[in-house]
Amino acid sequence: MTLYRDTILELIGIFFWISIFVSPLIYGYSSGNGYGPLHQMSFYEGYSLGNLGYAEQRCSMMPVSINNVYATCDYGVVGEITSFGISNPNDGNPFDQCIVNDLNKACTPDNAVMVDLIQSFVGQTNPSGAFSSSDIFNPGSGAGCLSNDSQIFIQFSCTISQDQMYTKYRQLSLYACITVFVALFYYLRIRHLIEKTNINHADWDLATVTAGDYTVQKLITPAEYISWLETHYKDGYYEGEKLPVGYAY
């Protein structure tokens, strides 16, 4: 009972100190804003590595009928406009497809007003801009691309500055060192607990009288057993008498 109590108390102490050591990690994760205000962040996500923020590829889709286009980065700024265009359900593309392909490439906006508006998003966090239907295509192009169900999409990357990258590098280096230290601390404490348990068990065995204290154990090899069987066990019976069957025999 004493050994069990000491083990429980030792484990409580180990995890208490681990909680103290990892508190800077939890604070650092919670102070980030990587998920942004538009992300429905759960309680656990706010204390995870992802909340520090990261570069990513994103896509914004909106109905053409609202005459407004926008791009949103939860973390960082718009780095590069990969592609943009108009997706019409009548062209056979999936409703939520955010890529220019052979089916919708004819519906890529070519009017300078629209192109300049989208390109102006680069370097901004949550850019947006208004346009009119006449700002999308030049005269003679975009036939059949606009309908009540048409969607305009923008595929872009969200990037972070070199200063933010360096700050993140220092943060993650510190967190990695803390994690390695915690792992090493846990390993050494568990090894100490095992050795301490073995010593306590030996002390208990010396202080307690058991049947093992009055028992002598000798290991018998297969050759010794066969020799005993042939020279002693079988000779103890009369000729022709059936020997009893036992587990060893």
Protein backbone atom coordinates (compact mmCIF):
# COMPACT_ATOMS: atom_id res chain seq x y z
CA MET A 1 0.00 0.00 0.00
CA THR A 2 2.88 2.37 0.81
CA LEU A 3 4.52 1.61 -2.55
CA TYR A 4 1.28 2.33 -4.40
CA ARG A 5 0.82 5.63 -2.54
CA ASP A 6 4.37 6.72 -3.26
CA THR A 7 3.93 5.92 -6.96
CA ILE A 8 0.73 7.98 -7.20
CA LEU A 9 2.33 10.93 -5.40
CA GLU A 10 5.37 10.72 -7.68
CA LEU A 11 3.18 10.78 -10.81
CA ILE A 12 1.21 13.74 -9.45
CA GLY A 13 4.46 15.61 -8.92
CA ILE A 14 5.72 14.76 -12.42
CA PHE A 15 2.63 16.06 -14.19
CA PHE A 16 2.46 19.12 -11.93
CA TRP A 17 5.94 20.20 -13.04
CA ILE A 18 5.18 19.34 -16.67
CA SER A 19 2.14 21.65 -16.47
CA ILE A 20 4.42 24.42 -15.20
CA PHE A 21 6.98 23.83 -17.97
CA VAL A 22 4.42 23.86 -20.82
CA SER A 23 2.56 26.95 -19.58
CA PRO A 24 4.68 29.24 -21.86
CA LEU A 25 3.60 27.13 -24.85
CA ILE A 26 -0.07 27.42 -23.95
CA TYR A 27 0.25 31.17 -23.41
CA GLY A 28 2.12 31.60 -26.71
CA TYR A 29 -0.46 29.61 -28.67
CA SER A 30 -3.39 31.49 -27.10
CA SER A 31 -1.86 34.90 -27.85
CA GLY A 32 -1.75 34.19 -31.59
CA ASN A 33 -4.38 35.23 -34.12
CA GLY A 34 -3.71 32.76 -36.90
CA TYR A 35 -7.31 31.64 -37.29
CA GLY A 36 -8.63 35.18 -37.63
CA PRO A 37 -11.99 36.68 -36.71
CA LEU A 38 -13.89 34.89 -39.50
CA HIS A 39 -12.90 31.42 -38.38
CA GLN A 40 -15.28 29.69 -35.97
CA MET A 41 -12.48 28.73 -33.60
CA SER A 42 -13.16 26.09 -30.98
CA PHE A 43 -11.80 26.32 -27.43
CA TYR A 44 -8.99 23.84 -28.11
CA GLU A 45 -7.94 25.48 -31.40
CA GLY A 46 -7.13 28.68 -29.51
CA TYR A 47 -4.47 26.77 -27.56
CA SER A 48 -2.98 24.89 -30.50
CA LEU A 49 0.00 25.44 -32.80
CA GLY A 50 -2.26 26.46 -35.69
CA ASN A 51 -3.29 29.63 -33.86
CA LEU A 52 0.20 31.06 -34.43
CA GLY A 53 -0.72 31.55 -38.08
CA TYR A 54 0.76 30.22 -41.30
CA ALA A 55 0.92 30.89 -45.02
CA GLU A 56 -1.81 29.21 -47.06
CA GLN A 57 -3.58 29.10 -50.40
CA ARG A 58 -7.16 30.36 -50.30
CA CYS A 59 -10.13 30.96 -52.55
CA SER A 60 -12.95 33.48 -52.37
CA MET A 61 -16.20 32.92 -54.24
CA MET A 62 -19.15 35.30 -54.40
CA PRO A 63 -22.17 35.83 -56.66
CA VAL A 64 -21.55 38.24 -59.50
CA SER A 65 -24.94 39.80 -58.79
CA ILE A 66 -23.72 41.46 -55.56
CA ASN A 67 -21.27 43.60 -57.63
CA ASN A 68 -18.59 43.26 -54.99
CA VAL A 69 -15.43 41.19 -54.81
CA TYR A 70 -13.26 40.49 -51.78
CA ALA A 71 -10.40 38.35 -50.45
CA THR A 72 -9.75 37.45 -46.82
CA CYS A 73 -6.60 36.27 -45.07
CA ASP A 74 -7.01 35.09 -41.51
CA TYR A 75 -3.28 35.63 -41.05
CA GLY A 76 -0.84 37.64 -43.15
CA VAL A 77 -1.62 39.50 -46.37
CA VAL A 78 -2.60 38.63 -49.93
CA GLY A 79 0.67 37.61 -51.56
CA GLU A 80 -0.18 36.55 -55.11
CA ILE A 81 -3.32 36.28 -57.23
CA THR A 82 -3.03 32.79 -58.68
CA SER A 83 -6.14 32.88 -60.86
CA PHE A 84 -9.58 34.43 -61.10
CA GLY A 85 -12.59 33.99 -63.31
CA ILE A 86 -16.33 33.49 -63.65
CA SER A 87 -17.94 30.13 -62.93
CA ASN A 88 -21.31 29.55 -64.56
CA PRO A 89 -23.34 26.41 -63.71
CA ASN A 90 -24.23 26.19 -67.40
CA ASP A 91 -20.59 25.52 -68.40
CA GLY A 92 -20.57 22.14 -66.59
CA ASN A 93 -18.18 23.09 -63.79
CA PRO A 94 -18.96 22.19 -60.17
CA PHE A 95 -20.56 25.06 -58.32
CA ASP A 96 -17.65 25.46 -55.88
CA GLN A 97 -14.76 24.90 -58.29
CA CYS A 98 -12.11 27.59 -57.85
CA ILE A 99 -9.85 27.11 -60.86
CA VAL A 100 -9.61 28.18 -64.49
CA ASN A 101 -9.99 25.23 -66.85
CA ASP A 102 -11.03 24.52 -70.43
CA LEU A 103 -14.72 24.85 -69.53
CA ASN A 104 -14.57 28.33 -68.02
CA LYS A 105 -11.40 29.94 -69.41
CA ALA A 106 -13.52 31.86 -71.93
CA CYS A 107 -15.22 33.53 -68.95
CA THR A 108 -12.04 34.99 -67.49
CA PRO A 109 -12.54 38.74 -66.97
CA ASP A 110 -10.45 40.74 -69.45
CA ASN A 111 -11.61 44.28 -68.72
CA ALA A 112 -8.75 46.39 -67.33
CA VAL A 113 -10.99 47.82 -64.59
CA MET A 114 -11.74 44.38 -63.17
CA VAL A 115 -8.21 43.06 -63.61
CA ASP A 116 -6.67 46.10 -61.90
CA LEU A 117 -9.19 45.87 -59.05
CA ILE A 118 -8.29 42.26 -58.31
CA GLN A 119 -4.53 42.84 -58.68
CA SER A 120 -4.79 45.74 -56.23
CA PHE A 121 -5.59 43.21 -53.47
CA VAL A 122 -1.91 42.17 -53.27
CA GLY A 123 -0.34 43.30 -49.99
CA GLN A 124 -3.66 43.83 -48.21
CA THR A 125 -5.21 41.78 -45.39
CA ASN A 126 -8.94 41.90 -46.13
CA PRO A 127 -9.33 43.81 -49.40
CA SER A 128 -12.62 44.34 -51.20
CA GLY A 129 -13.93 46.42 -54.06
CA ALA A 130 -17.12 47.21 -55.95
CA PHE A 131 -17.65 46.82 -59.69
CA SER A 132 -20.43 46.93 -62.24
CA SER A 133 -21.39 44.36 -64.83
CA SER A 134 -19.77 46.45 -67.56
CA ASP A 135 -16.43 46.32 -65.75
CA ILE A 136 -16.02 42.53 -66.13
CA PHE A 137 -15.60 41.95 -69.87
CA ASN A 138 -14.51 44.00 -72.84
CA PRO A 139 -17.12 44.50 -75.57
CA GLY A 140 -17.52 41.34 -77.64
CA SER A 141 -16.22 38.90 -75.00
CA GLY A 142 -17.82 36.95 -72.14
CA ALA A 143 -20.92 35.98 -74.08
CA GLY A 144 -23.12 33.64 -72.02
CA CYS A 145 -20.90 33.91 -68.95
CA LEU A 146 -23.16 36.08 -66.82
CA SER A 147 -26.38 34.81 -65.28
CA ASN A 148 -28.17 35.01 -61.96
CA ASP A 149 -26.22 31.95 -60.79
CA SER A 150 -22.75 33.03 -61.94
CA GLN A 151 -19.98 33.11 -59.35
CA ILE A 152 -16.77 35.11 -59.47
CA PHE A 153 -13.81 33.38 -57.85
CA ILE A 154 -10.33 34.49 -56.84
CA GLN A 155 -7.57 32.05 -55.94
CA PHE A 156 -4.76 33.69 -53.99
CA SER A 157 -2.03 33.03 -51.44
CA CYS A 158 -1.79 34.46 -47.93
CA THR A 159 1.81 35.19 -46.98
CA ILE A 160 3.65 36.71 -44.03
CA SER A 161 6.48 39.24 -43.94
CA GLN A 162 10.12 38.43 -43.22
CA ASP A 163 9.82 40.05 -39.78
CA GLN A 164 6.82 37.88 -38.95
CA MET A 165 8.68 34.85 -40.26
CA TYR A 166 11.69 35.58 -38.03
CA THR A 167 9.47 36.14 -35.00
CA LYS A 168 7.70 32.86 -35.66
CA TYR A 169 11.06 31.10 -36.06
CA ARG A 170 12.18 32.30 -32.63
CA GLN A 171 8.87 31.30 -31.06
CA LEU A 172 8.92 27.81 -32.51
CA SER A 173 12.58 27.33 -31.57
CA LEU A 174 11.76 28.16 -27.96
CA TYR A 175 8.71 25.89 -27.98
CA ALA A 176 10.74 23.04 -29.47
CA CYS A 177 13.39 23.39 -26.75
CA ILE A 178 10.72 23.35 -24.05
CA THR A 179 9.16 20.25 -25.58
CA VAL A 180 12.50 18.41 -25.68
CA PHE A 181 13.19 19.42 -22.08
CA VAL A 182 9.78 18.17 -20.95
CA ALA A 183 10.31 14.84 -22.73
CA LEU A 184 13.75 14.45 -21.12
CA PHE A 185 12.39 15.43 -17.71
CA TYR A 186 9.57 12.89 -18.02
CA TYR A 187 11.96 10.11 -19.06
CA LEU A 188 14.41 10.75 -16.20
CA ARG A 189 11.64 10.97 -13.59
CA ILE A 190 10.09 7.72 -14.77
CA ARG A 191 13.48 6.00 -14.70
CA HIS A 192 14.02 7.36 -11.19
CA LEU A 193 10.59 6.07 -10.17
CA ILE A 194 11.40 2.58 -11.52
CA GLU A 195 14.74 2.42 -9.69
CA LYS A 196 13.17 3.74 -6.49
CA THR A 197 10.42 1.13 -6.77
CA ASN A 198 12.99 -1.65 -7.18
CA ILE A 199 14.89 -0.47 -4.09
CA ASN A 200 11.67 -0.26 -2.05
CA HIS A 201 10.70 -3.73 -3.20
CA ALA A 202 14.10 -5.10 -2.11
CA ASP A 203 13.76 -3.39 1.30
CA TRP A 204 10.28 -4.85 1.70
CA ASP A 205 11.50 -8.32 0.76
CA LEU A 206 14.29 -8.16 3.35
CA ALA A 207 11.93 -6.95 6.07
CA THR A 208 9.22 -9.52 5.35
CA VAL A 209 9.39 -13.27 6.08
CA THR A 210 7.97 -15.28 3.18
CA ALA A 211 8.02 -18.91 2.03
CA GLY A 212 10.88 -18.02 -0.29
CA ASP A 213 13.13 -17.52 2.74
CA TYR A 214 12.92 -21.28 3.47
CA THR A 215 13.13 -22.53 -0.11
CA VAL A 216 16.15 -23.72 -2.03
CA GLN A 217 15.92 -23.63 -5.80
CA LYS A 218 18.15 -25.61 -8.14
CA LEU A 219 17.90 -25.50 -11.88
CA ILE A 220 17.91 -28.97 -13.52
CA THR A 221 19.18 -29.34 -17.05
CA PRO A 222 17.56 -31.80 -19.49
CA ALA A 223 20.68 -34.05 -19.32
CA GLU A 224 20.53 -34.22 -15.53
CA TYR A 225 16.85 -35.11 -15.62
CA ILE A 226 17.41 -37.96 -18.12
CA SER A 227 20.30 -39.28 -16.03
CA TRP A 228 18.15 -39.28 -12.87
CA LEU A 229 15.30 -40.95 -14.74
CA GLU A 230 17.46 -43.80 -16.05
CA THR A 231 19.66 -44.44 -13.03
CA HIS A 232 17.39 -43.76 -10.05
CA TYR A 233 13.71 -43.51 -10.89
CA LYS A 234 13.33 -46.67 -13.03
CA ASP A 235 15.55 -48.78 -10.76
CA GLY A 236 13.19 -48.26 -7.88
CA TYR A 237 10.53 -50.61 -9.37
CA TYR A 238 10.39 -54.38 -9.88
CA GLU A 239 10.94 -55.72 -13.32
CA GLY A 240 7.71 -55.71 -15.30
CA GLU A 241 5.90 -53.34 -12.94
CA LYS A 242 4.15 -50.50 -14.73
CA LEU A 243 5.56 -47.15 -13.85
CA PRO A 244 3.11 -44.43 -12.78
CA VAL A 245 2.60 -41.69 -15.31
CA GLY A 246 3.38 -38.20 -14.06
CA TYR A 247 3.73 -34.78 -15.65
CA ALA A 248 7.54 -34.90 -15.68
CA TYR A 249 7.67 -38.48 -16.96
